[in-house]
Every structure is written in structure tokens, then in C-alpha cells.
Amino acid sequence: MSEDPKIKAGRNLPAAVASGLVLALLVIVSLVTIKWLFGVLAVAALLVAVHEFVSVLRSKGIHVARTPVYIATAVIPSVAYLWGLQAQIAATGISILAVLLWRLRRGAQGYVADISVSVMLVAYLPFLAAFLMLTLSEDNGPWRVFVFILLTVSNDIGGYAVGVFFGKHPIAPQISPKKSWEGLAGSVVLQSIVGIVAFIYIFDAPWWQGLIAGVVLTISATGGDFIESAVKRDLGVKDMGTIVPGHGGIMDRLDSLLPNAFVTWVLFSIFLGSGA
């Protein structure tokens, strides 16, 4: 007998769908009203995600340099939106130096482990997320962000639907046993279709650019999934938080979004141009 899809999915599907719709509504409302409002919501979500991550790390005896990490989480995406890529890089460099110095207050014991994780947090969350703020700052930024979300969501839906019902061959069973090659194929197909349609009808761009975006973003999103799965397995937790019903924490929803924020900015800058 085949495995029950609900069990195989590993989540409360009705709760996940309901909370996903609420989040989607918040995103759409912010994008169609005042575009910087989306940036405010994104920074708020990042701060919650960082807090979830820091809380799990502290429970494992890892002491993150919380104050500079929290400040970096708010500042790096904000300066990227306001002043562009150079400001983002400068703010990241300052944040890393602040982390290295701040942690000295606790002495040398555990210094290397603590600063390594603290620097990783700065690079993994606010630095990568700031590329979405660069995307938002463009003249047609809200449309670019909308397509970014559409592509990432289609990746998750395609992989989830095909993987739950047809997934038999795990890609990396020691890291994420539910991620299958069949699910990856579903992600590639659906995200490529969405990419082609979006580039033709939203950006008035060649179809092949949408196809490339769909395929490349599938790779980066899947990589993001595996990165977070490896982190959670290493820390011995299933979810980083519980704030989003059916999904876990905010951090649990950023796995594919964070790497895709950077890759999307690169692709859109090449295909659509950039003022950064």
C-alpha cells in the first residue's frame, strides 16, 4: 500500500494553505499600495526569522552576537532599498566587523563558534534578503517582486504536488528524505511554465528568458531547501518556530526565498536591466 499523502507531505495541509493565503494577501496588498510598505513587512519578517534562529542556537549553547545581528537585519535591506548595492555591501562589512568586536565581551571561550554562526546569520538572512530590496527599488519593482514570489511559489507547489504523489527517489536522503527527483522535475516544469508566461505577458520579454529563469531558480530554490534542512538536522529541530500554522516559523518559509532573492536580482538585472 502506498504511503498516505498527508503523512508523506509532513505538514498540516489545510492550515498550511490557509496561512499561505493570508501571507499572500498581505504581500499583494503591500505591493499594489505603497511599495516601501512591502519592504517594511519584509524587514519585520526577517527580524522574526532571525529571532527564531537565535533562540534555537541559544538552546544549543551557541551565543550569537544578538545586538549587531538584529541591527544588521534591519539596516542592510533598508540601505539597499534606499541607496543601492554599494550601500548594501558597506553595511554588511560594517555589520561583520561589529559582530567580531561585540562577541569579545564574552571572552575567548567559544569565540570562533559564536562569531562563525553570527557572521553566517548576517550573510544568510539580511544580506541575501537585501537583493530583494534592490529588486523592489526598480521603477517596476513591485512587478518584479510579484514575479519573484510567483516563481518561487510555483517551485514549491510543483515540487510538493508531484513529490507527494509520485516521489520515490530521494535526492539527498541524509539531508532531506522527502525531496525527490520526481518532485524536482515537477518544480522545473511548473516554474518554467510560469516563468515563460510571466516574462511574455508581464515584462514583454522573450519566452526563453522566462524558461531560463524557471530552470535556474529551481536549482537555487532546491539548494536553499537543502541548506535549511541541513541546518535543522544539525541543530536537531524540525521547525525553527511555530508562528505560521502548517509551516512552522517564518525562518521555515525563507529556505527557498533567500537564495532566490539573489539569483532573481541577477537574472532580472541581465534580462530586464537595472538601475543599481
C-alpha atoms as a PDB file:
ATOM      1  CA  MET A   1       0.000   0.000   0.000  1.00  0.00           C
ATOM      2  CA  SER A   2       1.328   3.455  -0.906  1.00  0.00           C
ATOM      3  CA  GLU A   3       2.053   5.987   1.801  1.00  0.00           C
ATOM      4  CA  ASP A   4      -0.760   8.355   2.760  1.00  0.00           C
ATOM      5  CA  PRO A   5      -0.072  11.683   1.000  1.00  0.00           C
ATOM      6  CA  LYS A   6      -0.880  13.580   4.217  1.00  0.00           C
ATOM      7  CA  ILE A   7       1.765  11.612   6.106  1.00  0.00           C
ATOM      8  CA  LYS A   8       4.224  11.813   3.246  1.00  0.00           C
ATOM      9  CA  ALA A   9       3.741  15.581   2.990  1.00  0.00           C
ATOM     10  CA  GLY A  10       4.766  16.014   6.610  1.00  0.00           C
ATOM     11  CA  ARG A  11       2.546  19.018   7.260  1.00  0.00           C
ATOM     12  CA  ASN A  12      -0.998  20.089   8.176  1.00  0.00           C
ATOM     13  CA  LEU A  13      -2.166  20.877   4.641  1.00  0.00           C
ATOM     14  CA  PRO A  14      -5.371  22.867   5.450  1.00  0.00           C
ATOM     15  CA  ALA A  15      -3.510  25.031   7.964  1.00  0.00           C
ATOM     16  CA  ALA A  16      -0.615  25.476   5.548  1.00  0.00           C
ATOM     17  CA  VAL A  17      -2.937  26.565   2.734  1.00  0.00           C
ATOM     18  CA  ALA A  18      -4.878  28.964   4.969  1.00  0.00           C
ATOM     19  CA  SER A  19      -1.788  30.642   6.400  1.00  0.00           C
ATOM     20  CA  GLY A  20      -0.226  30.739   2.937  1.00  0.00           C
ATOM     21  CA  LEU A  21      -3.258  32.591   1.568  1.00  0.00           C
ATOM     22  CA  VAL A  22      -3.101  35.122   4.402  1.00  0.00           C
ATOM     23  CA  LEU A  23       0.583  35.762   3.742  1.00  0.00           C
ATOM     24  CA  ALA A  24      -0.095  36.077   0.006  1.00  0.00           C
ATOM     25  CA  LEU A  25      -2.843  38.628   0.677  1.00  0.00           C
ATOM     26  CA  LEU A  26      -0.506  40.726   2.834  1.00  0.00           C
ATOM     27  CA  VAL A  27       2.150  40.658   0.125  1.00  0.00           C
ATOM     28  CA  ILE A  28      -0.253  41.615  -2.672  1.00  0.00           C
ATOM     29  CA  VAL A  29      -1.837  44.450  -0.689  1.00  0.00           C
ATOM     30  CA  SER A  30       1.573  45.899   0.166  1.00  0.00           C
ATOM     31  CA  LEU A  31       2.810  45.672  -3.427  1.00  0.00           C
ATOM     32  CA  VAL A  32      -0.247  47.318  -5.012  1.00  0.00           C
ATOM     33  CA  THR A  33      -0.497  50.160  -2.485  1.00  0.00           C
ATOM     34  CA  ILE A  34       2.858  51.639  -1.419  1.00  0.00           C
ATOM     35  CA  LYS A  35       5.879  49.618  -2.481  1.00  0.00           C
ATOM     36  CA  TRP A  36       8.014  50.560   0.519  1.00  0.00           C
ATOM     37  CA  LEU A  37       5.298  49.008   2.698  1.00  0.00           C
ATOM     38  CA  PHE A  38       6.362  45.628   1.328  1.00  0.00           C
ATOM     39  CA  GLY A  39       9.907  46.453   2.386  1.00  0.00           C
ATOM     40  CA  VAL A  40       8.738  47.233   5.920  1.00  0.00           C
ATOM     41  CA  LEU A  41       6.855  43.919   6.105  1.00  0.00           C
ATOM     42  CA  ALA A  42       9.880  42.069   4.720  1.00  0.00           C
ATOM     43  CA  VAL A  43      12.235  43.566   7.313  1.00  0.00           C
ATOM     44  CA  ALA A  44       9.760  42.762  10.095  1.00  0.00           C
ATOM     45  CA  ALA A  45       9.553  39.152   8.880  1.00  0.00           C
ATOM     46  CA  LEU A  46      13.354  38.969   8.739  1.00  0.00           C
ATOM     47  CA  LEU A  47      13.648  40.168  12.324  1.00  0.00           C
ATOM     48  CA  VAL A  48      11.223  37.466  13.448  1.00  0.00           C
ATOM     49  CA  ALA A  49      13.161  34.850  11.458  1.00  0.00           C
ATOM     50  CA  VAL A  50      16.468  35.937  12.978  1.00  0.00           C
ATOM     51  CA  HIS A  51      14.953  35.828  16.457  1.00  0.00           C
ATOM     52  CA  GLU A  52      13.707  32.274  15.801  1.00  0.00           C
ATOM     53  CA  PHE A  53      17.147  31.230  14.584  1.00  0.00           C
ATOM     54  CA  VAL A  54      18.937  32.886  17.509  1.00  0.00           C
ATOM     55  CA  SER A  55      16.575  31.260  20.026  1.00  0.00           C
ATOM     56  CA  VAL A  56      17.282  27.782  18.647  1.00  0.00           C
ATOM     57  CA  LEU A  57      21.019  28.451  18.641  1.00  0.00           C
ATOM     58  CA  ARG A  58      20.983  29.666  22.244  1.00  0.00           C
ATOM     59  CA  SER A  59      19.176  26.493  23.283  1.00  0.00           C
ATOM     60  CA  LYS A  60      22.137  24.592  21.805  1.00  0.00           C
ATOM     61  CA  GLY A  61      24.699  26.649  23.703  1.00  0.00           C
ATOM     62  CA  ILE A  62      25.707  28.914  20.805  1.00  0.00           C
ATOM     63  CA  HIS A  63      25.782  32.588  21.781  1.00  0.00           C
ATOM     64  CA  VAL A  64      25.090  34.804  18.806  1.00  0.00           C
ATOM     65  CA  ALA A  65      26.167  38.451  18.914  1.00  0.00           C
ATOM     66  CA  ARG A  66      22.495  39.366  19.058  1.00  0.00           C
ATOM     67  CA  THR A  67      22.560  43.154  19.110  1.00  0.00           C
ATOM     68  CA  PRO A  68      24.700  43.706  15.969  1.00  0.00           C
ATOM     69  CA  VAL A  69      22.918  40.843  14.184  1.00  0.00           C
ATOM     70  CA  TYR A  70      19.479  42.339  14.887  1.00  0.00           C
ATOM     71  CA  ILE A  71      20.661  45.791  13.837  1.00  0.00           C
ATOM     72  CA  ALA A  72      22.191  44.349  10.660  1.00  0.00           C
ATOM     73  CA  THR A  73      18.918  42.597   9.864  1.00  0.00           C
ATOM     74  CA  ALA A  74      17.061  45.906   9.900  1.00  0.00           C
ATOM     75  CA  VAL A  75      19.765  48.085   8.347  1.00  0.00           C
ATOM     76  CA  ILE A  76      21.202  46.052   5.438  1.00  0.00           C
ATOM     77  CA  PRO A  77      17.919  45.579   3.496  1.00  0.00           C
ATOM     78  CA  SER A  78      16.879  49.164   4.273  1.00  0.00           C
ATOM     79  CA  VAL A  79      20.036  50.788   2.908  1.00  0.00           C
ATOM     80  CA  ALA A  80      19.894  48.503  -0.135  1.00  0.00           C
ATOM     81  CA  TYR A  81      16.419  49.821  -0.942  1.00  0.00           C
ATOM     82  CA  LEU A  82      17.336  53.454  -0.276  1.00  0.00           C
ATOM     83  CA  TRP A  83      20.869  53.717  -1.670  1.00  0.00           C
ATOM     84  CA  GLY A  84      21.626  50.605  -3.695  1.00  0.00           C
ATOM     85  CA  LEU A  85      24.201  47.833  -3.914  1.00  0.00           C
ATOM     86  CA  GLN A  86      27.252  49.741  -2.685  1.00  0.00           C
ATOM     87  CA  ALA A  87      25.437  50.786   0.481  1.00  0.00           C
ATOM     88  CA  GLN A  88      24.331  47.181   0.988  1.00  0.00           C
ATOM     89  CA  ILE A  89      27.906  45.909   0.724  1.00  0.00           C
ATOM     90  CA  ALA A  90      29.225  48.623   3.041  1.00  0.00           C
ATOM     91  CA  ALA A  91      26.543  47.926   5.653  1.00  0.00           C
ATOM     92  CA  THR A  92      27.316  44.210   5.502  1.00  0.00           C
ATOM     93  CA  GLY A  93      31.031  44.799   6.020  1.00  0.00           C
ATOM     94  CA  ILE A  94      30.382  47.097   8.972  1.00  0.00           C
ATOM     95  CA  SER A  95      27.975  44.537  10.445  1.00  0.00           C
ATOM     96  CA  ILE A  96      30.535  41.739  10.231  1.00  0.00           C
ATOM     97  CA  LEU A  97      33.156  43.878  11.962  1.00  0.00           C
ATOM     98  CA  ALA A  98      30.617  44.795  14.635  1.00  0.00           C
ATOM     99  CA  VAL A  99      29.857  41.107  15.223  1.00  0.00           C
ATOM    100  CA  LEU A 100      33.556  40.251  15.594  1.00  0.00           C
ATOM    101  CA  LEU A 101      34.099  43.039  18.107  1.00  0.00           C
ATOM    102  CA  TRP A 102      30.829  42.631  20.040  1.00  0.00           C
ATOM    103  CA  ARG A 103      31.425  38.974  20.829  1.00  0.00           C
ATOM    104  CA  LEU A 104      34.747  39.845  22.522  1.00  0.00           C
ATOM    105  CA  ARG A 105      32.700  40.945  25.526  1.00  0.00           C
ATOM    106  CA  ARG A 106      32.130  37.276  26.448  1.00  0.00           C
ATOM    107  CA  GLY A 107      35.802  36.350  26.346  1.00  0.00           C
ATOM    108  CA  ALA A 108      37.702  33.802  24.251  1.00  0.00           C
ATOM    109  CA  GLN A 109      35.782  30.656  25.241  1.00  0.00           C
ATOM    110  CA  GLY A 110      33.610  29.600  22.287  1.00  0.00           C
ATOM    111  CA  TYR A 111      34.582  32.726  20.324  1.00  0.00           C
ATOM    112  CA  VAL A 112      35.208  31.027  16.974  1.00  0.00           C
ATOM    113  CA  ALA A 113      31.955  29.046  17.014  1.00  0.00           C
ATOM    114  CA  ASP A 114      29.893  32.047  18.110  1.00  0.00           C
ATOM    115  CA  ILE A 115      31.275  34.510  15.569  1.00  0.00           C
ATOM    116  CA  SER A 116      31.096  31.915  12.783  1.00  0.00           C
ATOM    117  CA  VAL A 117      27.377  31.451  13.332  1.00  0.00           C
ATOM    118  CA  SER A 118      26.819  35.182  13.839  1.00  0.00           C
ATOM    119  CA  VAL A 119      28.543  36.063  10.566  1.00  0.00           C
ATOM    120  CA  MET A 120      26.608  33.288   8.827  1.00  0.00           C
ATOM    121  CA  LEU A 121      23.349  34.824  10.059  1.00  0.00           C
ATOM    122  CA  VAL A 122      24.312  38.230   8.657  1.00  0.00           C
ATOM    123  CA  ALA A 123      25.249  36.727   5.291  1.00  0.00           C
ATOM    124  CA  TYR A 124      22.375  34.244   5.080  1.00  0.00           C
ATOM    125  CA  LEU A 125      19.458  36.464   6.106  1.00  0.00           C
ATOM    126  CA  PRO A 126      19.791  40.248   5.742  1.00  0.00           C
ATOM    127  CA  PHE A 127      22.487  40.211   3.039  1.00  0.00           C
ATOM    128  CA  LEU A 128      20.653  37.789   0.739  1.00  0.00           C
ATOM    129  CA  ALA A 129      17.258  39.328   1.513  1.00  0.00           C
ATOM    130  CA  ALA A 130      18.623  42.774   0.626  1.00  0.00           C
ATOM    131  CA  PHE A 131      18.791  41.725  -3.022  1.00  0.00           C
ATOM    132  CA  LEU A 132      15.008  41.579  -2.979  1.00  0.00           C
ATOM    133  CA  MET A 133      15.031  45.200  -1.778  1.00  0.00           C
ATOM    134  CA  LEU A 134      17.273  46.079  -4.725  1.00  0.00           C
ATOM    135  CA  THR A 135      14.712  44.425  -6.979  1.00  0.00           C
ATOM    136  CA  LEU A 136      11.883  46.325  -5.290  1.00  0.00           C
ATOM    137  CA  SER A 137      13.671  49.663  -5.750  1.00  0.00           C
ATOM    138  CA  GLU A 138      13.459  49.448  -9.550  1.00  0.00           C
ATOM    139  CA  ASP A 139      10.821  51.520 -11.370  1.00  0.00           C
ATOM    140  CA  ASN A 140       8.789  48.368 -11.999  1.00  0.00           C
ATOM    141  CA  GLY A 141       9.963  46.870  -8.714  1.00  0.00           C
ATOM    142  CA  PRO A 142       6.551  45.705  -7.455  1.00  0.00           C
ATOM    143  CA  TRP A 143       6.024  43.701 -10.651  1.00  0.00           C
ATOM    144  CA  ARG A 144       9.491  42.190 -10.383  1.00  0.00           C
ATOM    145  CA  VAL A 145       8.883  41.192  -6.775  1.00  0.00           C
ATOM    146  CA  PHE A 146       5.482  39.776  -7.708  1.00  0.00           C
ATOM    147  CA  VAL A 147       7.056  37.586 -10.403  1.00  0.00           C
ATOM    148  CA  PHE A 148       9.832  36.568  -7.993  1.00  0.00           C
ATOM    149  CA  ILE A 149       7.218  35.367  -5.497  1.00  0.00           C
ATOM    150  CA  LEU A 150       5.148  33.743  -8.243  1.00  0.00           C
ATOM    151  CA  LEU A 151       8.151  31.782  -9.477  1.00  0.00           C
ATOM    152  CA  THR A 152       9.247  30.689  -6.010  1.00  0.00           C
ATOM    153  CA  VAL A 153       5.732  29.636  -5.017  1.00  0.00           C
ATOM    154  CA  SER A 154       5.296  27.696  -8.272  1.00  0.00           C
ATOM    155  CA  ASN A 155       8.549  25.891  -7.488  1.00  0.00           C
ATOM    156  CA  ASP A 156       7.181  24.832  -4.096  1.00  0.00           C
ATOM    157  CA  ILE A 157       3.770  23.841  -5.483  1.00  0.00           C
ATOM    158  CA  GLY A 158       5.188  21.845  -8.395  1.00  0.00           C
ATOM    159  CA  GLY A 159       7.686  20.030  -6.211  1.00  0.00           C
ATOM    160  CA  TYR A 160       5.195  19.408  -3.415  1.00  0.00           C
ATOM    161  CA  ALA A 161       2.354  18.110  -5.609  1.00  0.00           C
ATOM    162  CA  VAL A 162       4.476  15.798  -7.744  1.00  0.00           C
ATOM    163  CA  GLY A 163       6.717  14.734  -4.871  1.00  0.00           C
ATOM    164  CA  VAL A 164       3.859  13.772  -2.552  1.00  0.00           C
ATOM    165  CA  PHE A 165       2.097  11.552  -5.076  1.00  0.00           C
ATOM    166  CA  PHE A 166       4.921  10.294  -7.280  1.00  0.00           C
ATOM    167  CA  GLY A 167       8.159  10.861  -5.368  1.00  0.00           C
ATOM    168  CA  LYS A 168      10.122   7.609  -4.985  1.00  0.00           C
ATOM    169  CA  HIS A 169      13.767   8.519  -5.500  1.00  0.00           C
ATOM    170  CA  PRO A 170      15.252  10.852  -2.834  1.00  0.00           C
ATOM    171  CA  ILE A 171      17.859  13.344  -3.972  1.00  0.00           C
ATOM    172  CA  ALA A 172      19.734  13.538  -0.668  1.00  0.00           C
ATOM    173  CA  PRO A 173      18.073  11.199   1.855  1.00  0.00           C
ATOM    174  CA  GLN A 174      20.517  12.003   4.657  1.00  0.00           C
ATOM    175  CA  ILE A 175      19.612  15.691   4.490  1.00  0.00           C
ATOM    176  CA  SER A 176      16.007  15.839   3.278  1.00  0.00           C
ATOM    177  CA  PRO A 177      14.459  12.409   2.666  1.00  0.00           C
ATOM    178  CA  LYS A 178      11.178  13.832   1.320  1.00  0.00           C
ATOM    179  CA  LYS A 179      12.871  15.756  -1.512  1.00  0.00           C
ATOM    180  CA  SER A 180      12.715  13.536  -4.584  1.00  0.00           C
ATOM    181  CA  TRP A 181      13.905  13.699  -8.160  1.00  0.00           C
ATOM    182  CA  GLU A 182      10.284  13.416  -9.250  1.00  0.00           C
ATOM    183  CA  GLY A 183       9.405  16.451  -7.140  1.00  0.00           C
ATOM    184  CA  LEU A 184      12.341  18.348  -8.630  1.00  0.00           C
ATOM    185  CA  ALA A 185      11.013  17.579 -12.101  1.00  0.00           C
ATOM    186  CA  GLY A 186       7.611  18.931 -11.055  1.00  0.00           C
ATOM    187  CA  SER A 187       9.279  22.123  -9.833  1.00  0.00           C
ATOM    188  CA  VAL A 188      11.201  22.579 -13.077  1.00  0.00           C
ATOM    189  CA  VAL A 189       8.138  22.076 -15.266  1.00  0.00           C
ATOM    190  CA  LEU A 190       5.710  24.297 -13.358  1.00  0.00           C
ATOM    191  CA  GLN A 191       8.214  27.064 -12.621  1.00  0.00           C
ATOM    192  CA  SER A 192       9.379  27.123 -16.241  1.00  0.00           C
ATOM    193  CA  ILE A 193       5.793  27.450 -17.471  1.00  0.00           C
ATOM    194  CA  VAL A 194       5.102  30.258 -15.005  1.00  0.00           C
ATOM    195  CA  GLY A 195       8.382  31.937 -15.953  1.00  0.00           C
ATOM    196  CA  ILE A 196       7.591  31.849 -19.673  1.00  0.00           C
ATOM    197  CA  VAL A 197       4.082  33.260 -19.153  1.00  0.00           C
ATOM    198  CA  ALA A 198       5.297  35.955 -16.745  1.00  0.00           C
ATOM    199  CA  PHE A 199       8.128  37.151 -18.977  1.00  0.00           C
ATOM    200  CA  ILE A 200       5.904  37.300 -22.056  1.00  0.00           C
ATOM    201  CA  TYR A 201       2.805  38.933 -20.562  1.00  0.00           C
ATOM    202  CA  ILE A 202       4.192  40.955 -17.629  1.00  0.00           C
ATOM    203  CA  PHE A 203       7.621  42.028 -18.838  1.00  0.00           C
ATOM    204  CA  ASP A 204       7.035  41.811 -22.611  1.00  0.00           C
ATOM    205  CA  ALA A 205      10.304  39.881 -22.760  1.00  0.00           C
ATOM    206  CA  PRO A 206      11.359  36.824 -24.822  1.00  0.00           C
ATOM    207  CA  TRP A 207       9.931  33.484 -23.716  1.00  0.00           C
ATOM    208  CA  TRP A 208      13.357  31.894 -23.446  1.00  0.00           C
ATOM    209  CA  GLN A 209      14.328  34.317 -20.689  1.00  0.00           C
ATOM    210  CA  GLY A 210      11.382  33.077 -18.639  1.00  0.00           C
ATOM    211  CA  LEU A 211      12.425  29.492 -19.322  1.00  0.00           C
ATOM    212  CA  ILE A 212      15.975  30.166 -18.133  1.00  0.00           C
ATOM    213  CA  ALA A 213      14.660  31.935 -15.037  1.00  0.00           C
ATOM    214  CA  GLY A 214      12.390  28.995 -14.242  1.00  0.00           C
ATOM    215  CA  VAL A 215      15.138  26.391 -14.542  1.00  0.00           C
ATOM    216  CA  VAL A 216      17.843  28.381 -12.733  1.00  0.00           C
ATOM    217  CA  LEU A 217      15.537  29.386  -9.879  1.00  0.00           C
ATOM    218  CA  THR A 218      14.516  25.763  -9.406  1.00  0.00           C
ATOM    219  CA  ILE A 219      18.169  24.927  -8.790  1.00  0.00           C
ATOM    220  CA  SER A 220      18.716  27.795  -6.348  1.00  0.00           C
ATOM    221  CA  ALA A 221      15.431  27.157  -4.521  1.00  0.00           C
ATOM    222  CA  THR A 222      16.231  23.469  -4.122  1.00  0.00           C
ATOM    223  CA  GLY A 223      19.682  24.370  -2.862  1.00  0.00           C
ATOM    224  CA  GLY A 224      18.070  26.683  -0.316  1.00  0.00           C
ATOM    225  CA  ASP A 225      15.773  23.892   0.828  1.00  0.00           C
ATOM    226  CA  PHE A 226      18.737  21.596   1.395  1.00  0.00           C
ATOM    227  CA  ILE A 227      20.727  24.283   3.212  1.00  0.00           C
ATOM    228  CA  GLU A 228      17.972  24.860   5.745  1.00  0.00           C
ATOM    229  CA  SER A 229      17.279  21.126   6.082  1.00  0.00           C
ATOM    230  CA  ALA A 230      20.962  20.545   6.859  1.00  0.00           C
ATOM    231  CA  VAL A 231      20.941  23.357   9.435  1.00  0.00           C
ATOM    232  CA  LYS A 232      17.843  21.994  11.176  1.00  0.00           C
ATOM    233  CA  ARG A 233      19.164  18.435  11.184  1.00  0.00           C
ATOM    234  CA  ASP A 234      22.456  19.614  12.639  1.00  0.00           C
ATOM    235  CA  LEU A 235      20.594  21.534  15.357  1.00  0.00           C
ATOM    236  CA  GLY A 236      18.182  18.658  15.972  1.00  0.00           C
ATOM    237  CA  VAL A 237      14.952  20.598  15.344  1.00  0.00           C
ATOM    238  CA  LYS A 238      12.027  20.016  12.991  1.00  0.00           C
ATOM    239  CA  ASP A 239      10.983  23.661  12.722  1.00  0.00           C
ATOM    240  CA  MET A 240      12.602  26.946  13.683  1.00  0.00           C
ATOM    241  CA  GLY A 241       9.344  28.296  15.110  1.00  0.00           C
ATOM    242  CA  THR A 242       5.567  27.938  15.320  1.00  0.00           C
ATOM    243  CA  ILE A 243       4.236  31.350  14.310  1.00  0.00           C
ATOM    244  CA  VAL A 244       2.910  30.243  10.890  1.00  0.00           C
ATOM    245  CA  PRO A 245       0.313  27.432  11.206  1.00  0.00           C
ATOM    246  CA  GLY A 246       1.139  24.477   8.989  1.00  0.00           C
ATOM    247  CA  HIS A 247       4.537  25.891   8.055  1.00  0.00           C
ATOM    248  CA  GLY A 248       6.456  26.290  11.317  1.00  0.00           C
ATOM    249  CA  GLY A 249       8.235  29.591  11.782  1.00  0.00           C
ATOM    250  CA  ILE A 250       8.999  32.489   9.471  1.00  0.00           C
ATOM    251  CA  MET A 251      12.511  31.080   9.075  1.00  0.00           C
ATOM    252  CA  ASP A 252      10.996  27.832   7.786  1.00  0.00           C
ATOM    253  CA  ARG A 253       9.385  29.720   4.889  1.00  0.00           C
ATOM    254  CA  LEU A 254      12.555  31.528   3.823  1.00  0.00           C
ATOM    255  CA  ASP A 255      14.533  28.458   2.748  1.00  0.00           C
ATOM    256  CA  SER A 256      13.970  28.900  -0.992  1.00  0.00           C
ATOM    257  CA  LEU A 257      13.200  32.635  -0.891  1.00  0.00           C
ATOM    258  CA  LEU A 258      16.626  33.746   0.368  1.00  0.00           C
ATOM    259  CA  PRO A 259      18.836  32.245  -2.370  1.00  0.00           C
ATOM    260  CA  ASN A 260      16.176  33.058  -4.957  1.00  0.00           C
ATOM    261  CA  ALA A 261      16.245  36.724  -3.921  1.00  0.00           C
ATOM    262  CA  PHE A 262      19.874  36.947  -5.015  1.00  0.00           C
ATOM    263  CA  VAL A 263      19.532  34.808  -8.153  1.00  0.00           C
ATOM    264  CA  THR A 264      16.377  36.657  -9.231  1.00  0.00           C
ATOM    265  CA  TRP A 265      18.134  40.011  -8.880  1.00  0.00           C
ATOM    266  CA  VAL A 266      21.000  38.760 -11.066  1.00  0.00           C
ATOM    267  CA  LEU A 267      18.675  37.338 -13.738  1.00  0.00           C
ATOM    268  CA  PHE A 268      16.374  40.350 -13.799  1.00  0.00           C
ATOM    269  CA  SER A 269      19.353  42.718 -13.976  1.00  0.00           C
ATOM    270  CA  ILE A 270      20.684  40.824 -17.003  1.00  0.00           C
ATOM    271  CA  PHE A 271      17.368  40.343 -18.787  1.00  0.00           C
ATOM    272  CA  LEU A 272      15.400  43.451 -17.791  1.00  0.00           C
ATOM    273  CA  GLY A 273      18.105  45.949 -16.861  1.00  0.00           C
ATOM    274  CA  SER A 274      18.919  47.503 -13.512  1.00  0.00           C
ATOM    275  CA  GLY A 275      19.408  50.933 -12.040  1.00  0.00           C
ATOM    276  CA  ALA A 276      21.597  49.602  -9.221  1.00  0.00           C
END
